[in-house]
């Protein structure tokens, strides 16, 4: 479906009788009008009027964009190269 993303909401809680820690997840279909969210992004959603039979949430904002591990490594290597270059320039 276009303009639709699936958001997984996780919650941890303690069972009231057994006092055991439990982990539950729930998936919501969310309307993304601008189609700007990507897989892995941390987002904020809000409940509103229904957009379809199963979709009644809207994307409010993207809090933390997802950066793949490969991109993180490349970013770290670039930073190291810049630091190394700055040290060499300061020596001369």
C-alpha atoms as a PDB file:
ATOM      1  CA  UNK A   1       0.000   0.000   0.000  1.00  0.00           C
ATOM      2  CA  UNK A   2       1.231   3.440  -0.836  1.00  0.00           C
ATOM      3  CA  UNK A   3       1.534   6.055   1.900  1.00  0.00           C
ATOM      4  CA  UNK A   4       1.316   3.345   4.559  1.00  0.00           C
ATOM      5  CA  UNK A   5       4.004   2.186   6.961  1.00  0.00           C
ATOM      6  CA  UNK A   6       3.942  -0.522   9.613  1.00  0.00           C
ATOM      7  CA  UNK A   7       5.068   0.631  13.052  1.00  0.00           C
ATOM      8  CA  UNK A   8       5.949  -1.874  15.769  1.00  0.00           C
ATOM      9  CA  UNK A   9       5.386  -0.708  19.346  1.00  0.00           C
ATOM     10  CA  UNK A  10       7.170  -2.703  22.067  1.00  0.00           C
ATOM     11  CA  UNK A  11       6.418  -2.610  25.756  1.00  0.00           C
ATOM     12  CA  UNK A  12       7.863  -4.358  28.797  1.00  0.00           C
ATOM     13  CA  UNK A  13       5.768  -4.904  31.897  1.00  0.00           C
ATOM     14  CA  UNK A  14       5.479  -7.079  34.957  1.00  0.00           C
ATOM     15  CA  UNK A  15       2.620  -9.548  35.283  1.00  0.00           C
ATOM     16  CA  UNK A  16       0.435  -8.434  38.211  1.00  0.00           C
ATOM     17  CA  UNK A  17       0.035 -11.919  39.726  1.00  0.00           C
ATOM     18  CA  UNK A  18       3.064 -13.902  38.588  1.00  0.00           C
ATOM     19  CA  UNK A  19       5.445 -10.928  38.957  1.00  0.00           C
ATOM     20  CA  UNK A  20       7.233 -12.104  35.838  1.00  0.00           C
ATOM     21  CA  UNK A  21       8.672  -9.625  33.327  1.00  0.00           C
ATOM     22  CA  UNK A  22       6.920  -9.835  29.972  1.00  0.00           C
ATOM     23  CA  UNK A  23       7.624  -8.313  26.569  1.00  0.00           C
ATOM     24  CA  UNK A  24       4.804  -7.587  24.120  1.00  0.00           C
ATOM     25  CA  UNK A  25       4.806  -6.025  20.652  1.00  0.00           C
ATOM     26  CA  UNK A  26       1.958  -4.680  18.580  1.00  0.00           C
ATOM     27  CA  UNK A  27       1.946  -3.598  14.945  1.00  0.00           C
ATOM     28  CA  UNK A  28       0.014  -0.585  13.687  1.00  0.00           C
ATOM     29  CA  UNK A  29      -0.648   0.564  10.140  1.00  0.00           C
ATOM     30  CA  UNK A  30       0.244   4.259   9.980  1.00  0.00           C
ATOM     31  CA  UNK A  31      -0.540   6.837   7.294  1.00  0.00           C
ATOM     32  CA  UNK A  32       2.617   8.549   5.956  1.00  0.00           C
ATOM     33  CA  UNK A  33       1.384  11.294   3.616  1.00  0.00           C
ATOM     34  CA  UNK A  34       4.841  12.455   2.467  1.00  0.00           C
ATOM     35  CA  UNK A  35       6.298   8.921   2.320  1.00  0.00           C
ATOM     36  CA  UNK A  36       9.385  10.150   4.197  1.00  0.00           C
ATOM     37  CA  UNK A  37       9.837   7.341   6.759  1.00  0.00           C
ATOM     38  CA  UNK A  38      12.341   4.562   6.092  1.00  0.00           C
ATOM     39  CA  UNK A  39      12.807   1.099   7.561  1.00  0.00           C
ATOM     40  CA  UNK A  40      14.357   1.286  11.029  1.00  0.00           C
ATOM     41  CA  UNK A  41      13.454   4.907  11.829  1.00  0.00           C
ATOM     42  CA  UNK A  42      12.194   5.725  15.323  1.00  0.00           C
ATOM     43  CA  UNK A  43       8.944   7.642  14.799  1.00  0.00           C
ATOM     44  CA  UNK A  44       6.132   9.323  16.706  1.00  0.00           C
ATOM     45  CA  UNK A  45       2.549   8.529  15.725  1.00  0.00           C
ATOM     46  CA  UNK A  46      -0.818   9.889  16.790  1.00  0.00           C
ATOM     47  CA  UNK A  47      -4.323   8.474  16.731  1.00  0.00           C
ATOM     48  CA  UNK A  48      -6.806  10.294  14.517  1.00  0.00           C
ATOM     49  CA  UNK A  49      -9.634   9.794  12.093  1.00  0.00           C
ATOM     50  CA  UNK A  50      -9.639   6.498  10.190  1.00  0.00           C
ATOM     51  CA  UNK A  51      -7.884   6.503   6.814  1.00  0.00           C
ATOM     52  CA  UNK A  52      -9.081   2.984   6.015  1.00  0.00           C
ATOM     53  CA  UNK A  53     -10.496  -0.090   7.737  1.00  0.00           C
ATOM     54  CA  UNK A  54      -7.250  -0.899   9.616  1.00  0.00           C
ATOM     55  CA  UNK A  55      -5.390   2.430   9.476  1.00  0.00           C
ATOM     56  CA  UNK A  56      -6.290   5.179  11.966  1.00  0.00           C
ATOM     57  CA  UNK A  57      -2.852   6.474  13.004  1.00  0.00           C
ATOM     58  CA  UNK A  58      -0.797   9.212  11.334  1.00  0.00           C
ATOM     59  CA  UNK A  59       2.944   9.817  11.299  1.00  0.00           C
ATOM     60  CA  UNK A  60       3.761  12.877  13.421  1.00  0.00           C
ATOM     61  CA  UNK A  61       7.563  13.006  13.217  1.00  0.00           C
ATOM     62  CA  UNK A  62      10.707  11.001  12.626  1.00  0.00           C
ATOM     63  CA  UNK A  63      12.615  11.155  15.914  1.00  0.00           C
ATOM     64  CA  UNK A  64      15.777   9.169  15.089  1.00  0.00           C
ATOM     65  CA  UNK A  65      16.585   8.288  11.477  1.00  0.00           C
ATOM     66  CA  UNK A  66      18.073   4.826  10.993  1.00  0.00           C
ATOM     67  CA  UNK A  67      21.747   4.654  10.018  1.00  0.00           C
ATOM     68  CA  UNK A  68      22.910   1.269   8.773  1.00  0.00           C
ATOM     69  CA  UNK A  69      25.998  -0.319  10.378  1.00  0.00           C
ATOM     70  CA  UNK A  70      27.878   0.012   7.081  1.00  0.00           C
ATOM     71  CA  UNK A  71      27.113   3.742   6.931  1.00  0.00           C
ATOM     72  CA  UNK A  72      28.256   4.141  10.555  1.00  0.00           C
ATOM     73  CA  UNK A  73      31.598   2.507   9.727  1.00  0.00           C
ATOM     74  CA  UNK A  74      32.067   4.742   6.686  1.00  0.00           C
ATOM     75  CA  UNK A  75      31.198   7.806   8.758  1.00  0.00           C
ATOM     76  CA  UNK A  76      33.726   6.814  11.440  1.00  0.00           C
ATOM     77  CA  UNK A  77      36.432   6.258   8.808  1.00  0.00           C
ATOM     78  CA  UNK A  78      35.766   9.692   7.303  1.00  0.00           C
ATOM     79  CA  UNK A  79      36.039  11.304  10.750  1.00  0.00           C
ATOM     80  CA  UNK A  80      39.327   9.497  11.417  1.00  0.00           C
ATOM     81  CA  UNK A  81      40.705  10.640   8.062  1.00  0.00           C
ATOM     82  CA  UNK A  82      39.755  14.248   8.821  1.00  0.00           C
ATOM     83  CA  UNK A  83      41.375  14.062  12.276  1.00  0.00           C
ATOM     84  CA  UNK A  84      44.522  12.553  10.783  1.00  0.00           C
ATOM     85  CA  UNK A  85      44.640  15.292   8.162  1.00  0.00           C
ATOM     86  CA  UNK A  86      44.191  17.993  10.828  1.00  0.00           C
ATOM     87  CA  UNK A  87      47.056  16.525  12.903  1.00  0.00           C
ATOM     88  CA  UNK A  88      49.357  16.453   9.865  1.00  0.00           C
ATOM     89  CA  UNK A  89      48.508  20.066   9.009  1.00  0.00           C
ATOM     90  CA  UNK A  90      49.191  21.197  12.575  1.00  0.00           C
ATOM     91  CA  UNK A  91      52.660  19.583  12.480  1.00  0.00           C
ATOM     92  CA  UNK A  92      53.720  21.602   9.449  1.00  0.00           C
END
